[in-house]
């Protein structure tokens, strides 16, 4: 994946991650602190959290096309780095306090990861479908 394409994908996924952070916060608060109240600083924290969640995406950068095996290895590595970074940041921001809360927090990170990957897959699928439709029209002419 070229760096320009990677950067474009990361900018697009940043906003999905940012939105999913609110979904994750909602789920977490339902479980542990339903009476939570957030101040404006929370929006800044989530923006930084989303950025830190997006930065490990540089692991997908490659000057040449990746094989399926290389892609899968990078996908696993990306997830592990992402979990580590976000768990450390979550602890630093006092988002969880006990081991059990940390485990739930890691599960929510996994849930958000799956949603973001699903949305990105849907975007790629739609793009591929549009390209194939245009190629089919060109072929018919």
N, C-alpha and C. Protein backbone atom coordinates (compact mmCIF):
# COMPACT_ATOMS: atom_id res chain seq x y z
N UNK A 1 0.85 -1.17 0.00
CA UNK A 1 0.00 0.00 0.00
C UNK A 1 0.90 1.24 0.00
N UNK A 2 0.65 2.13 -0.92
CA UNK A 2 1.43 3.35 -0.98
C UNK A 2 1.12 4.24 0.21
N UNK A 3 2.10 5.08 0.58
CA UNK A 3 1.94 5.90 1.77
C UNK A 3 0.77 6.87 1.63
N UNK A 4 0.58 7.42 0.43
CA UNK A 4 -0.54 8.35 0.22
C UNK A 4 -1.88 7.66 0.43
N UNK A 5 -2.01 6.45 -0.08
CA UNK A 5 -3.24 5.68 0.12
C UNK A 5 -3.43 5.33 1.59
N UNK A 6 -2.33 4.97 2.25
CA UNK A 6 -2.39 4.65 3.67
C UNK A 6 -2.84 5.87 4.48
N UNK A 7 -2.29 7.02 4.17
CA UNK A 7 -2.65 8.25 4.88
C UNK A 7 -4.12 8.59 4.66
N UNK A 8 -4.60 8.43 3.44
CA UNK A 8 -6.02 8.68 3.14
C UNK A 8 -6.90 7.73 3.95
N UNK A 9 -6.52 6.46 3.99
CA UNK A 9 -7.29 5.46 4.74
C UNK A 9 -7.27 5.79 6.23
N UNK A 10 -6.12 6.22 6.74
CA UNK A 10 -6.01 6.54 8.16
C UNK A 10 -6.85 7.76 8.53
N UNK A 11 -6.91 8.74 7.66
CA UNK A 11 -7.75 9.91 7.93
C UNK A 11 -9.22 9.50 7.95
N UNK A 12 -9.63 8.69 7.00
CA UNK A 12 -11.02 8.21 6.98
C UNK A 12 -11.34 7.37 8.21
N UNK A 13 -10.43 6.47 8.57
CA UNK A 13 -10.71 5.59 9.70
C UNK A 13 -10.65 6.33 11.03
N UNK A 14 -9.91 7.45 11.08
CA UNK A 14 -9.84 8.23 12.32
C UNK A 14 -11.23 8.62 12.80
N UNK A 15 -12.05 9.10 11.90
CA UNK A 15 -13.38 9.56 12.29
C UNK A 15 -14.29 8.40 12.68
N UNK A 16 -14.10 7.26 12.05
CA UNK A 16 -14.85 6.07 12.46
C UNK A 16 -14.40 5.64 13.86
N UNK A 17 -13.10 5.65 14.10
CA UNK A 17 -12.56 5.29 15.41
C UNK A 17 -13.07 6.27 16.47
N UNK A 18 -13.05 7.56 16.16
CA UNK A 18 -13.51 8.58 17.10
C UNK A 18 -14.97 8.33 17.49
N UNK A 19 -15.80 8.07 16.51
CA UNK A 19 -17.20 7.76 16.79
C UNK A 19 -17.36 6.48 17.60
N UNK A 20 -16.57 5.48 17.25
CA UNK A 20 -16.65 4.20 17.97
C UNK A 20 -16.15 4.34 19.40
N UNK A 21 -15.26 5.29 19.66
CA UNK A 21 -14.82 5.53 21.04
C UNK A 21 -16.01 5.92 21.91
N UNK A 22 -16.92 6.69 21.37
CA UNK A 22 -18.11 7.07 22.13
C UNK A 22 -19.01 5.86 22.37
N UNK A 23 -19.11 5.00 21.37
CA UNK A 23 -19.87 3.76 21.53
C UNK A 23 -19.25 2.89 22.63
N UNK A 24 -17.93 2.77 22.60
CA UNK A 24 -17.23 2.00 23.62
C UNK A 24 -17.39 2.60 25.00
N UNK A 25 -17.34 3.93 25.09
CA UNK A 25 -17.55 4.60 26.38
C UNK A 25 -18.94 4.33 26.90
N UNK A 26 -19.92 4.38 26.04
CA UNK A 26 -21.30 4.14 26.44
C UNK A 26 -21.46 2.73 27.00
N UNK A 27 -20.90 1.74 26.29
CA UNK A 27 -20.98 0.35 26.75
C UNK A 27 -20.27 0.19 28.10
N UNK A 28 -19.07 0.75 28.20
CA UNK A 28 -18.29 0.65 29.43
C UNK A 28 -19.02 1.29 30.60
N UNK A 29 -19.60 2.45 30.37
CA UNK A 29 -20.31 3.15 31.45
C UNK A 29 -21.59 2.42 31.86
N UNK A 30 -22.26 1.79 30.92
CA UNK A 30 -23.44 0.99 31.28
C UNK A 30 -23.05 -0.11 32.26
N UNK A 31 -21.89 -0.71 32.05
CA UNK A 31 -21.45 -1.81 32.89
C UNK A 31 -20.93 -1.33 34.25
N UNK A 32 -20.08 -0.30 34.26
CA UNK A 32 -19.37 0.06 35.48
C UNK A 32 -19.82 1.34 36.17
N UNK A 33 -20.32 2.31 35.42
CA UNK A 33 -20.65 3.59 36.04
C UNK A 33 -21.77 4.29 35.27
N UNK A 34 -23.01 3.80 35.43
CA UNK A 34 -24.13 4.36 34.66
C UNK A 34 -24.43 5.83 34.96
N UNK A 35 -23.96 6.34 36.08
CA UNK A 35 -24.23 7.73 36.44
C UNK A 35 -23.10 8.67 36.03
N UNK A 36 -22.23 8.24 35.14
CA UNK A 36 -21.09 9.05 34.72
C UNK A 36 -21.54 10.36 34.08
N UNK A 37 -20.76 11.39 34.33
CA UNK A 37 -20.94 12.69 33.69
C UNK A 37 -19.58 13.09 33.14
N UNK A 38 -19.56 13.56 31.91
CA UNK A 38 -18.31 13.91 31.27
C UNK A 38 -18.23 15.41 31.04
N UNK A 39 -17.01 15.96 31.18
CA UNK A 39 -16.81 17.37 30.89
C UNK A 39 -16.26 17.52 29.47
N UNK A 40 -16.00 18.74 29.07
CA UNK A 40 -15.53 18.97 27.70
C UNK A 40 -14.16 18.36 27.44
N UNK A 41 -13.37 18.19 28.48
CA UNK A 41 -12.05 17.58 28.32
C UNK A 41 -12.15 16.15 27.79
N UNK A 42 -13.27 15.50 28.03
CA UNK A 42 -13.47 14.14 27.55
C UNK A 42 -13.38 14.08 26.02
N UNK A 43 -13.92 15.08 25.34
CA UNK A 43 -13.89 15.08 23.87
C UNK A 43 -12.45 15.17 23.37
N UNK A 44 -11.62 15.96 24.06
CA UNK A 44 -10.21 16.06 23.71
C UNK A 44 -9.51 14.73 23.97
N UNK A 45 -9.80 14.12 25.12
CA UNK A 45 -9.20 12.82 25.44
C UNK A 45 -9.56 11.78 24.39
N UNK A 46 -10.81 11.77 23.96
CA UNK A 46 -11.23 10.80 22.95
C UNK A 46 -10.58 11.09 21.59
N UNK A 47 -10.35 12.37 21.29
CA UNK A 47 -9.67 12.71 20.04
C UNK A 47 -8.24 12.18 20.06
N UNK A 48 -7.54 12.35 21.19
CA UNK A 48 -6.18 11.82 21.33
C UNK A 48 -6.20 10.29 21.32
N UNK A 49 -7.17 9.72 22.02
CA UNK A 49 -7.31 8.27 22.09
C UNK A 49 -7.53 7.70 20.68
N UNK A 50 -8.39 8.34 19.90
CA UNK A 50 -8.65 7.89 18.52
C UNK A 50 -7.40 8.03 17.66
N UNK A 51 -6.65 9.10 17.86
CA UNK A 51 -5.41 9.29 17.11
C UNK A 51 -4.41 8.18 17.44
N UNK A 52 -4.29 7.88 18.74
CA UNK A 52 -3.39 6.78 19.14
C UNK A 52 -3.89 5.44 18.62
N UNK A 53 -5.20 5.31 18.47
CA UNK A 53 -5.75 4.10 17.90
C UNK A 53 -5.53 3.99 16.40
N UNK A 54 -5.34 5.12 15.76
CA UNK A 54 -5.15 5.15 14.31
C UNK A 54 -3.68 5.03 13.91
N UNK A 55 -2.78 5.52 14.74
CA UNK A 55 -1.36 5.55 14.39
C UNK A 55 -0.73 4.17 14.12
N UNK A 56 -1.11 3.11 14.84
CA UNK A 56 -0.51 1.81 14.49
C UNK A 56 -0.84 1.35 13.08
N UNK A 57 -1.72 2.04 12.39
CA UNK A 57 -2.04 1.71 11.00
C UNK A 57 -0.84 1.82 10.09
N UNK A 58 0.21 2.52 10.51
CA UNK A 58 1.42 2.62 9.68
C UNK A 58 2.09 1.26 9.52
N UNK A 59 1.72 0.30 10.35
CA UNK A 59 2.27 -1.06 10.19
C UNK A 59 1.86 -1.68 8.86
N UNK A 60 0.83 -1.14 8.23
CA UNK A 60 0.36 -1.67 6.95
C UNK A 60 1.09 -1.05 5.77
N UNK A 61 1.96 -0.07 6.03
CA UNK A 61 2.69 0.56 4.93
C UNK A 61 3.70 -0.41 4.35
N UNK A 62 3.72 -0.48 3.04
CA UNK A 62 4.69 -1.29 2.32
C UNK A 62 4.87 -0.70 0.93
N UNK A 63 6.11 -0.69 0.48
CA UNK A 63 6.37 -0.15 -0.86
C UNK A 63 5.94 -1.12 -1.96
N UNK A 64 5.68 -2.36 -1.59
CA UNK A 64 5.21 -3.35 -2.56
C UNK A 64 3.96 -4.02 -2.04
N UNK A 65 3.26 -4.71 -2.91
CA UNK A 65 2.03 -5.39 -2.52
C UNK A 65 2.36 -6.52 -1.54
N UNK A 66 1.52 -6.65 -0.53
CA UNK A 66 1.72 -7.68 0.48
C UNK A 66 1.01 -8.97 0.07
N UNK A 67 1.62 -10.09 0.40
CA UNK A 67 0.95 -11.38 0.17
C UNK A 67 -0.12 -11.55 1.24
N UNK A 68 -0.97 -12.53 1.06
CA UNK A 68 -2.02 -12.79 2.04
C UNK A 68 -1.43 -13.11 3.41
N UNK A 69 -0.35 -13.89 3.43
CA UNK A 69 0.29 -14.24 4.70
C UNK A 69 0.89 -13.00 5.37
N UNK A 70 1.58 -12.16 4.59
CA UNK A 70 2.16 -10.94 5.15
C UNK A 70 1.07 -10.02 5.69
N UNK A 71 -0.04 -9.92 4.96
CA UNK A 71 -1.15 -9.07 5.39
C UNK A 71 -1.72 -9.58 6.72
N UNK A 72 -1.91 -10.89 6.83
CA UNK A 72 -2.46 -11.47 8.06
C UNK A 72 -1.51 -11.27 9.24
N UNK A 73 -0.21 -11.43 9.01
CA UNK A 73 0.76 -11.20 10.08
C UNK A 73 0.71 -9.75 10.55
N UNK A 74 0.64 -8.83 9.60
CA UNK A 74 0.56 -7.41 9.97
C UNK A 74 -0.76 -7.08 10.66
N UNK A 75 -1.82 -7.75 10.26
CA UNK A 75 -3.12 -7.53 10.90
C UNK A 75 -3.07 -7.96 12.38
N UNK A 76 -2.48 -9.11 12.64
CA UNK A 76 -2.35 -9.58 14.01
C UNK A 76 -1.43 -8.68 14.81
N UNK A 77 -0.29 -8.33 14.23
CA UNK A 77 0.65 -7.42 14.90
C UNK A 77 -0.01 -6.07 15.18
N UNK A 78 -0.77 -5.57 14.21
CA UNK A 78 -1.46 -4.30 14.37
C UNK A 78 -2.42 -4.36 15.55
N UNK A 79 -3.19 -5.43 15.64
CA UNK A 79 -4.14 -5.56 16.74
C UNK A 79 -3.43 -5.61 18.09
N UNK A 80 -2.34 -6.37 18.18
CA UNK A 80 -1.62 -6.48 19.44
C UNK A 80 -1.00 -5.14 19.86
N UNK A 81 -0.41 -4.43 18.91
CA UNK A 81 0.16 -3.12 19.22
C UNK A 81 -0.96 -2.16 19.63
N UNK A 82 -2.06 -2.21 18.92
CA UNK A 82 -3.20 -1.35 19.23
C UNK A 82 -3.71 -1.61 20.64
N UNK A 83 -3.92 -2.87 20.99
CA UNK A 83 -4.37 -3.21 22.35
C UNK A 83 -3.40 -2.67 23.39
N UNK A 84 -2.10 -2.88 23.18
CA UNK A 84 -1.10 -2.43 24.14
C UNK A 84 -1.13 -0.91 24.31
N UNK A 85 -1.14 -0.20 23.19
CA UNK A 85 -1.13 1.27 23.24
C UNK A 85 -2.38 1.79 23.93
N UNK A 86 -3.53 1.26 23.56
CA UNK A 86 -4.78 1.78 24.11
C UNK A 86 -4.99 1.37 25.57
N UNK A 87 -4.52 0.19 25.94
CA UNK A 87 -4.61 -0.19 27.36
C UNK A 87 -3.73 0.70 28.23
N UNK A 88 -2.54 0.99 27.76
CA UNK A 88 -1.65 1.90 28.50
C UNK A 88 -2.26 3.29 28.58
N UNK A 89 -2.75 3.79 27.46
CA UNK A 89 -3.37 5.12 27.45
C UNK A 89 -4.63 5.15 28.32
N UNK A 90 -5.42 4.10 28.26
CA UNK A 90 -6.62 4.03 29.08
C UNK A 90 -6.29 4.05 30.56
N UNK A 91 -5.24 3.36 30.92
CA UNK A 91 -4.82 3.37 32.33
C UNK A 91 -4.31 4.75 32.73
N UNK A 92 -3.55 5.38 31.84
CA UNK A 92 -3.02 6.72 32.09
C UNK A 92 -4.15 7.74 32.27
N UNK A 93 -5.23 7.59 31.50
CA UNK A 93 -6.37 8.50 31.60
C UNK A 93 -7.38 8.07 32.66
N UNK A 94 -7.03 7.05 33.45
CA UNK A 94 -7.90 6.54 34.51
C UNK A 94 -9.25 6.06 33.98
N UNK A 95 -9.22 5.40 32.83
CA UNK A 95 -10.45 4.88 32.26
C UNK A 95 -10.85 3.55 32.88
N UNK A 96 -9.90 2.88 33.52
CA UNK A 96 -10.21 1.67 34.27
C UNK A 96 -9.27 1.59 35.46
N UNK A 97 -9.69 0.82 36.48
CA UNK A 97 -8.92 0.78 37.73
C UNK A 97 -8.57 -0.63 38.18
N UNK A 98 -9.40 -1.61 37.87
CA UNK A 98 -9.15 -2.98 38.32
C UNK A 98 -8.78 -3.85 37.12
N UNK A 99 -8.29 -5.04 37.43
CA UNK A 99 -7.94 -6.00 36.36
C UNK A 99 -9.19 -6.37 35.56
N UNK A 100 -10.30 -6.61 36.25
CA UNK A 100 -11.53 -6.95 35.55
C UNK A 100 -11.97 -5.83 34.62
N UNK A 101 -11.90 -4.59 35.09
CA UNK A 101 -12.24 -3.46 34.23
C UNK A 101 -11.29 -3.38 33.04
N UNK A 102 -10.01 -3.69 33.26
CA UNK A 102 -9.04 -3.70 32.16
C UNK A 102 -9.37 -4.75 31.13
N UNK A 103 -9.83 -5.91 31.59
CA UNK A 103 -10.22 -6.99 30.66
C UNK A 103 -11.43 -6.57 29.84
N UNK A 104 -12.42 -5.96 30.51
CA UNK A 104 -13.59 -5.46 29.79
C UNK A 104 -13.18 -4.37 28.81
N UNK A 105 -12.28 -3.50 29.24
CA UNK A 105 -11.77 -2.43 28.39
C UNK A 105 -11.11 -3.02 27.15
N UNK A 106 -10.30 -4.05 27.33
CA UNK A 106 -9.65 -4.73 26.19
C UNK A 106 -10.69 -5.35 25.26
N UNK A 107 -11.76 -5.90 25.84
CA UNK A 107 -12.84 -6.45 25.02
C UNK A 107 -13.55 -5.38 24.20
N UNK A 108 -13.72 -4.22 24.80
CA UNK A 108 -14.36 -3.12 24.07
C UNK A 108 -13.44 -2.63 22.96
N UNK A 109 -12.14 -2.61 23.21
CA UNK A 109 -11.19 -2.26 22.14
C UNK A 109 -11.32 -3.25 20.99
N UNK A 110 -11.44 -4.54 21.31
CA UNK A 110 -11.64 -5.55 20.28
C UNK A 110 -12.93 -5.30 19.51
N UNK A 111 -14.01 -5.00 20.22
CA UNK A 111 -15.29 -4.71 19.57
C UNK A 111 -15.17 -3.52 18.62
N UNK A 112 -14.56 -2.45 19.08
CA UNK A 112 -14.37 -1.27 18.23
C UNK A 112 -13.49 -1.62 17.03
N UNK A 113 -12.46 -2.42 17.25
CA UNK A 113 -11.57 -2.84 16.17
C UNK A 113 -12.35 -3.58 15.08
N UNK A 114 -13.21 -4.50 15.50
CA UNK A 114 -14.01 -5.26 14.54
C UNK A 114 -14.96 -4.34 13.77
N UNK A 115 -15.58 -3.38 14.45
CA UNK A 115 -16.48 -2.44 13.78
C UNK A 115 -15.71 -1.59 12.77
N UNK A 116 -14.58 -1.05 13.18
CA UNK A 116 -13.78 -0.21 12.27
C UNK A 116 -13.32 -1.03 11.07
N UNK A 117 -12.82 -2.24 11.30
CA UNK A 117 -12.41 -3.11 10.18
C UNK A 117 -13.59 -3.41 9.26
N UNK A 118 -14.76 -3.64 9.84
CA UNK A 118 -15.96 -3.91 9.04
C UNK A 118 -16.36 -2.73 8.17
N UNK A 119 -16.32 -1.54 8.74
CA UNK A 119 -16.66 -0.33 7.98
C UNK A 119 -15.65 -0.12 6.86
N UNK A 120 -14.37 -0.26 7.16
CA UNK A 120 -13.34 -0.10 6.13
C UNK A 120 -13.48 -1.16 5.04
N UNK A 121 -13.81 -2.38 5.42
CA UNK A 121 -14.04 -3.43 4.43
C UNK A 121 -15.22 -3.06 3.53
N UNK A 122 -16.29 -2.54 4.13
CA UNK A 122 -17.46 -2.16 3.34
C UNK A 122 -17.11 -1.05 2.36
N UNK A 123 -16.31 -0.07 2.80
CA UNK A 123 -15.88 1.00 1.90
C UNK A 123 -15.06 0.42 0.75
N UNK A 124 -14.12 -0.46 1.06
CA UNK A 124 -13.28 -1.07 0.02
C UNK A 124 -14.11 -1.91 -0.94
N UNK A 125 -15.08 -2.64 -0.39
CA UNK A 125 -15.95 -3.47 -1.22
C UNK A 125 -16.75 -2.60 -2.18
N UNK A 126 -17.28 -1.49 -1.68
CA UNK A 126 -18.05 -0.58 -2.53
C UNK A 126 -17.17 0.04 -3.62
N UNK A 127 -15.96 0.42 -3.26
CA UNK A 127 -15.02 0.98 -4.24
C UNK A 127 -14.70 -0.05 -5.32
N UNK A 128 -14.42 -1.28 -4.90
CA UNK A 128 -14.12 -2.34 -5.87
C UNK A 128 -15.31 -2.60 -6.78
N UNK A 129 -16.51 -2.58 -6.22
CA UNK A 129 -17.71 -2.80 -7.03
C UNK A 129 -17.87 -1.69 -8.07
N UNK A 130 -17.64 -0.44 -7.66
CA UNK A 130 -17.74 0.68 -8.60
C UNK A 130 -16.71 0.57 -9.70
N UNK A 131 -15.49 0.20 -9.35
CA UNK A 131 -14.44 0.04 -10.36
C UNK A 131 -14.81 -1.08 -11.33
N UNK A 132 -15.28 -2.19 -10.80
CA UNK A 132 -15.68 -3.31 -11.67
C UNK A 132 -16.83 -2.93 -12.58
N UNK A 133 -17.80 -2.16 -12.08
CA UNK A 133 -18.91 -1.70 -12.92
C UNK A 133 -18.40 -0.82 -14.06
N UNK A 134 -17.47 0.08 -13.75
CA UNK A 134 -16.92 0.97 -14.78
C UNK A 134 -16.11 0.18 -15.80
N UNK A 135 -15.35 -0.80 -15.32
CA UNK A 135 -14.59 -1.64 -16.25
C UNK A 135 -15.51 -2.46 -17.15
N UNK A 136 -16.60 -2.95 -16.60
CA UNK A 136 -17.56 -3.72 -17.38
C UNK A 136 -18.18 -2.83 -18.47
N UNK A 137 -18.52 -1.60 -18.12
CA UNK A 137 -19.08 -0.66 -19.11
C UNK A 137 -18.07 -0.36 -20.20
N UNK A 138 -16.80 -0.19 -19.81
CA UNK A 138 -15.77 0.07 -20.82
C UNK A 138 -15.59 -1.13 -21.73
N UNK A 139 -15.67 -2.31 -21.18
CA UNK A 139 -15.53 -3.54 -21.95
C UNK A 139 -16.67 -3.69 -22.95
N UNK A 140 -17.87 -3.32 -22.55
CA UNK A 140 -19.02 -3.43 -23.43
C UNK A 140 -18.94 -2.46 -24.60
N UNK A 141 -18.28 -1.33 -24.40
CA UNK A 141 -18.13 -0.35 -25.49
C UNK A 141 -17.05 -0.82 -26.40
